[in-house]
Amino acid sequence: MALSADAILGAEDTQIKPVDVPAWGGEVLVRGLTGIERDAYEASIQQIRPKPDGTKEVVLVRDNARAKLLVKCLVDDSGNRLFKDTDAPALGKKSGAILDMLYDVAAELSGMGDANEREIEGNSEAGQTGDSPSSSPETSDAPSTSSSDGSAPES
């Protein structure tokens, strides 16, 4: 029997996973993003940049991307966020190894990962000359201008 709209909308499908972080003195709870939160996060780490030929390209902006995701995903026992989005710079000053470990959990729970990143990077050639970034982007073989180590792209 097929699910009804009410059954789908009423289903609790957001996962929370406890992760032990001994360096922080205990366990943290990592919650997967909702669809709306994931789209907003992905939009926040993309930037449309004009190219000399008049087209535009979409590039990933990795500056503090791990902490930007984690402020949305670290929750208390009731499932409430521990941090506001504006706390990302402070959280980003914590251990890179710990942030990376927690990021991997958050990305997995949110349905993100290497394939998702390749999809975003594959859409790096917008091929637009107008102001609207909303048309379907074309794929590009050009390398991304962001670094693979999570540092900010060079200006």
C-alpha atoms as a PDB file:
ATOM      1  CA  MET A   1       0.000   0.000   0.000  1.00  0.00           C
ATOM      2  CA  ALA A   2       1.373   3.419  -0.958  1.00  0.00           C
ATOM      3  CA  LEU A   3       2.052   6.014   1.716  1.00  0.00           C
ATOM      4  CA  SER A   4      -0.194   9.029   2.044  1.00  0.00           C
ATOM      5  CA  ALA A   5       1.102  12.606   2.165  1.00  0.00           C
ATOM      6  CA  ASP A   6       0.263  12.737   5.882  1.00  0.00           C
ATOM      7  CA  ALA A   7       2.226   9.542   6.532  1.00  0.00           C
ATOM      8  CA  ILE A   8       5.268  10.891   4.683  1.00  0.00           C
ATOM      9  CA  LEU A   9       5.146  14.317   6.348  1.00  0.00           C
ATOM     10  CA  GLY A  10       4.587  12.742   9.769  1.00  0.00           C
ATOM     11  CA  ALA A  11       7.474  10.280   9.540  1.00  0.00           C
ATOM     12  CA  GLU A  12      10.476  10.939  11.795  1.00  0.00           C
ATOM     13  CA  ASP A  13      13.285  10.431   9.300  1.00  0.00           C
ATOM     14  CA  THR A  14      16.041  12.741  10.542  1.00  0.00           C
ATOM     15  CA  GLN A  15      18.773  10.664  12.148  1.00  0.00           C
ATOM     16  CA  ILE A  16      20.849  11.574  15.195  1.00  0.00           C
ATOM     17  CA  LYS A  17      24.081   9.744  15.934  1.00  0.00           C
ATOM     18  CA  PRO A  18      26.157   9.954  19.124  1.00  0.00           C
ATOM     19  CA  VAL A  19      29.888  10.393  18.510  1.00  0.00           C
ATOM     20  CA  ASP A  20      32.517  10.034  21.222  1.00  0.00           C
ATOM     21  CA  VAL A  21      35.001  12.922  21.243  1.00  0.00           C
ATOM     22  CA  PRO A  22      37.457  12.153  24.065  1.00  0.00           C
ATOM     23  CA  ALA A  23      39.458  15.346  23.446  1.00  0.00           C
ATOM     24  CA  TRP A  24      36.303  17.343  24.238  1.00  0.00           C
ATOM     25  CA  GLY A  25      35.539  15.241  27.291  1.00  0.00           C
ATOM     26  CA  GLY A  26      32.542  13.262  26.104  1.00  0.00           C
ATOM     27  CA  GLU A  27      29.977  12.543  23.474  1.00  0.00           C
ATOM     28  CA  VAL A  28      28.332  14.879  20.972  1.00  0.00           C
ATOM     29  CA  LEU A  29      25.122  14.294  19.076  1.00  0.00           C
ATOM     30  CA  VAL A  30      25.223  14.811  15.315  1.00  0.00           C
ATOM     31  CA  ARG A  31      21.933  15.278  13.456  1.00  0.00           C
ATOM     32  CA  GLY A  32      21.455  14.966   9.733  1.00  0.00           C
ATOM     33  CA  LEU A  33      20.177  17.996   7.849  1.00  0.00           C
ATOM     34  CA  THR A  34      16.636  18.348   6.578  1.00  0.00           C
ATOM     35  CA  GLY A  35      16.211  18.920   2.861  1.00  0.00           C
ATOM     36  CA  ILE A  36      15.774  22.667   3.365  1.00  0.00           C
ATOM     37  CA  GLU A  37      18.846  22.877   5.607  1.00  0.00           C
ATOM     38  CA  ARG A  38      20.967  20.861   3.172  1.00  0.00           C
ATOM     39  CA  ASP A  39      20.010  23.059   0.229  1.00  0.00           C
ATOM     40  CA  ALA A  40      20.788  26.197   2.251  1.00  0.00           C
ATOM     41  CA  TYR A  41      24.152  24.786   3.355  1.00  0.00           C
ATOM     42  CA  GLU A  42      25.119  23.796  -0.178  1.00  0.00           C
ATOM     43  CA  ALA A  43      24.113  27.229  -1.475  1.00  0.00           C
ATOM     44  CA  SER A  44      26.211  28.854   1.259  1.00  0.00           C
ATOM     45  CA  ILE A  45      29.394  27.116   0.114  1.00  0.00           C
ATOM     46  CA  GLN A  46      28.948  27.964  -3.557  1.00  0.00           C
ATOM     47  CA  GLN A  47      29.832  31.191  -5.243  1.00  0.00           C
ATOM     48  CA  ILE A  48      29.093  32.315  -8.789  1.00  0.00           C
ATOM     49  CA  ARG A  49      32.081  34.069 -10.294  1.00  0.00           C
ATOM     50  CA  PRO A  50      32.315  35.823 -13.640  1.00  0.00           C
ATOM     51  CA  LYS A  51      34.900  34.566 -16.114  1.00  0.00           C
ATOM     52  CA  PRO A  52      36.835  36.777 -18.557  1.00  0.00           C
ATOM     53  CA  ASP A  53      34.818  35.376 -21.487  1.00  0.00           C
ATOM     54  CA  GLY A  54      31.560  36.704 -19.980  1.00  0.00           C
ATOM     55  CA  THR A  55      30.293  33.350 -18.739  1.00  0.00           C
ATOM     56  CA  LYS A  56      30.005  32.490 -15.069  1.00  0.00           C
ATOM     57  CA  GLU A  57      31.243  29.555 -13.065  1.00  0.00           C
ATOM     58  CA  VAL A  58      30.077  28.054  -9.801  1.00  0.00           C
ATOM     59  CA  VAL A  59      32.924  27.278  -7.422  1.00  0.00           C
ATOM     60  CA  LEU A  60      32.974  25.683  -3.996  1.00  0.00           C
ATOM     61  CA  VAL A  61      34.068  28.035  -1.240  1.00  0.00           C
ATOM     62  CA  ARG A  62      35.625  25.745   1.324  1.00  0.00           C
ATOM     63  CA  ASP A  63      36.470  28.467   3.827  1.00  0.00           C
ATOM     64  CA  ASN A  64      35.391  26.957   7.176  1.00  0.00           C
ATOM     65  CA  ALA A  65      32.954  24.620   5.384  1.00  0.00           C
ATOM     66  CA  ARG A  66      33.252  21.912   8.030  1.00  0.00           C
ATOM     67  CA  ALA A  67      32.311  24.215  10.898  1.00  0.00           C
ATOM     68  CA  LYS A  68      29.526  25.784   8.799  1.00  0.00           C
ATOM     69  CA  LEU A  69      27.957  22.345   8.475  1.00  0.00           C
ATOM     70  CA  LEU A  70      28.574  21.318  12.073  1.00  0.00           C
ATOM     71  CA  VAL A  71      26.886  24.372  13.605  1.00  0.00           C
ATOM     72  CA  LYS A  72      23.733  23.142  11.872  1.00  0.00           C
ATOM     73  CA  CYS A  73      24.184  19.497  12.916  1.00  0.00           C
ATOM     74  CA  LEU A  74      25.453  19.405  16.517  1.00  0.00           C
ATOM     75  CA  VAL A  75      22.435  19.091  18.807  1.00  0.00           C
ATOM     76  CA  ASP A  76      21.505  18.570  22.455  1.00  0.00           C
ATOM     77  CA  ASP A  77      19.567  15.633  23.925  1.00  0.00           C
ATOM     78  CA  SER A  78      16.297  17.221  22.770  1.00  0.00           C
ATOM     79  CA  GLY A  79      17.522  17.630  19.181  1.00  0.00           C
ATOM     80  CA  ASN A  80      17.969  21.414  19.480  1.00  0.00           C
ATOM     81  CA  ARG A  81      20.978  22.999  17.824  1.00  0.00           C
ATOM     82  CA  LEU A  82      23.899  23.785  20.112  1.00  0.00           C
ATOM     83  CA  PHE A  83      25.207  26.586  17.894  1.00  0.00           C
ATOM     84  CA  LYS A  84      23.948  29.436  15.753  1.00  0.00           C
ATOM     85  CA  ASP A  85      25.286  29.871  12.216  1.00  0.00           C
ATOM     86  CA  THR A  86      27.302  32.845  13.485  1.00  0.00           C
ATOM     87  CA  ASP A  87      29.242  30.474  15.790  1.00  0.00           C
ATOM     88  CA  ALA A  88      30.962  28.785  12.816  1.00  0.00           C
ATOM     89  CA  PRO A  89      34.153  30.907  13.032  1.00  0.00           C
ATOM     90  CA  ALA A  90      34.617  29.994  16.710  1.00  0.00           C
ATOM     91  CA  LEU A  91      33.896  26.300  16.102  1.00  0.00           C
ATOM     92  CA  GLY A  92      36.283  26.379  13.147  1.00  0.00           C
ATOM     93  CA  LYS A  93      39.142  27.103  15.552  1.00  0.00           C
ATOM     94  CA  LYS A  94      38.767  23.653  17.130  1.00  0.00           C
ATOM     95  CA  SER A  95      40.894  20.660  16.078  1.00  0.00           C
ATOM     96  CA  GLY A  96      40.780  20.074  12.351  1.00  0.00           C
ATOM     97  CA  ALA A  97      40.938  16.313  12.881  1.00  0.00           C
ATOM     98  CA  ILE A  98      37.910  16.359  15.191  1.00  0.00           C
ATOM     99  CA  LEU A  99      35.956  18.700  12.920  1.00  0.00           C
ATOM    100  CA  ASP A 100      36.758  16.454   9.958  1.00  0.00           C
ATOM    101  CA  MET A 101      35.571  13.343  11.824  1.00  0.00           C
ATOM    102  CA  LEU A 102      32.304  15.027  12.871  1.00  0.00           C
ATOM    103  CA  TYR A 103      31.847  16.535   9.394  1.00  0.00           C
ATOM    104  CA  ASP A 104      32.031  13.052   7.874  1.00  0.00           C
ATOM    105  CA  VAL A 105      29.281  11.838  10.221  1.00  0.00           C
ATOM    106  CA  ALA A 106      27.108  14.901   9.545  1.00  0.00           C
ATOM    107  CA  ALA A 107      27.605  14.581   5.783  1.00  0.00           C
ATOM    108  CA  GLU A 108      26.690  10.885   5.854  1.00  0.00           C
ATOM    109  CA  LEU A 109      23.555  11.492   7.934  1.00  0.00           C
ATOM    110  CA  SER A 110      22.597  14.306   5.540  1.00  0.00           C
ATOM    111  CA  GLY A 111      23.017  12.213   2.389  1.00  0.00           C
ATOM    112  CA  MET A 112      26.098  14.150   1.352  1.00  0.00           C
ATOM    113  CA  GLY A 113      29.528  12.855   0.540  1.00  0.00           C
ATOM    114  CA  ASP A 114      32.095  12.545  -2.204  1.00  0.00           C
ATOM    115  CA  ALA A 115      29.469  11.895  -4.890  1.00  0.00           C
ATOM    116  CA  ASN A 116      27.531  14.991  -3.815  1.00  0.00           C
ATOM    117  CA  GLU A 117      30.679  17.124  -3.884  1.00  0.00           C
ATOM    118  CA  ARG A 118      31.560  15.833  -7.354  1.00  0.00           C
ATOM    119  CA  GLU A 119      28.018  16.747  -8.466  1.00  0.00           C
ATOM    120  CA  ILE A 120      28.439  20.310  -7.166  1.00  0.00           C
ATOM    121  CA  GLU A 121      31.903  20.620  -8.705  1.00  0.00           C
ATOM    122  CA  GLY A 122      30.629  19.090 -11.955  1.00  0.00           C
ATOM    123  CA  ASN A 123      28.205  21.997 -12.189  1.00  0.00           C
ATOM    124  CA  SER A 124      31.040  24.507 -12.059  1.00  0.00           C
ATOM    125  CA  GLU A 125      30.533  25.965 -15.539  1.00  0.00           C
ATOM    126  CA  ALA A 126      27.352  27.999 -15.462  1.00  0.00           C
ATOM    127  CA  GLY A 127      27.734  29.176 -19.038  1.00  0.00           C
ATOM    128  CA  GLN A 128      25.604  32.228 -18.375  1.00  0.00           C
ATOM    129  CA  THR A 129      25.983  35.795 -19.460  1.00  0.00           C
ATOM    130  CA  GLY A 130      22.939  37.161 -17.627  1.00  0.00           C
ATOM    131  CA  ASP A 131      22.593  38.016 -13.962  1.00  0.00           C
ATOM    132  CA  SER A 132      20.420  35.047 -12.958  1.00  0.00           C
ATOM    133  CA  PRO A 133      22.222  31.943 -11.695  1.00  0.00           C
ATOM    134  CA  SER A 134      19.042  29.886 -11.921  1.00  0.00           C
ATOM    135  CA  SER A 135      19.433  28.247 -15.338  1.00  0.00           C
ATOM    136  CA  SER A 136      20.755  24.702 -15.496  1.00  0.00           C
ATOM    137  CA  PRO A 137      24.534  24.773 -15.414  1.00  0.00           C
ATOM    138  CA  GLU A 138      26.655  22.891 -17.892  1.00  0.00           C
ATOM    139  CA  THR A 139      29.425  20.611 -16.718  1.00  0.00           C
ATOM    140  CA  SER A 140      33.033  21.694 -16.857  1.00  0.00           C
ATOM    141  CA  ASP A 141      36.321  19.850 -17.098  1.00  0.00           C
ATOM    142  CA  ALA A 142      38.092  22.872 -15.624  1.00  0.00           C
ATOM    143  CA  PRO A 143      39.588  22.334 -12.169  1.00  0.00           C
ATOM    144  CA  SER A 144      37.946  24.004  -9.222  1.00  0.00           C
ATOM    145  CA  THR A 145      39.653  27.118  -7.894  1.00  0.00           C
ATOM    146  CA  SER A 146      39.197  25.906  -4.336  1.00  0.00           C
ATOM    147  CA  SER A 147      41.804  23.771  -2.654  1.00  0.00           C
ATOM    148  CA  SER A 148      41.231  20.180  -1.631  1.00  0.00           C
ATOM    149  CA  ASP A 149      42.558  20.698   1.881  1.00  0.00           C
ATOM    150  CA  GLY A 150      39.618  22.790   3.036  1.00  0.00           C
ATOM    151  CA  SER A 151      41.543  26.061   3.011  1.00  0.00           C
ATOM    152  CA  ALA A 152      40.191  29.204   1.457  1.00  0.00           C
ATOM    153  CA  PRO A 153      40.675  29.645  -2.287  1.00  0.00           C
ATOM    154  CA  GLU A 154      43.299  32.096  -3.362  1.00  0.00           C
ATOM    155  CA  SER A 155      42.060  35.499  -4.489  1.00  0.00           C
END
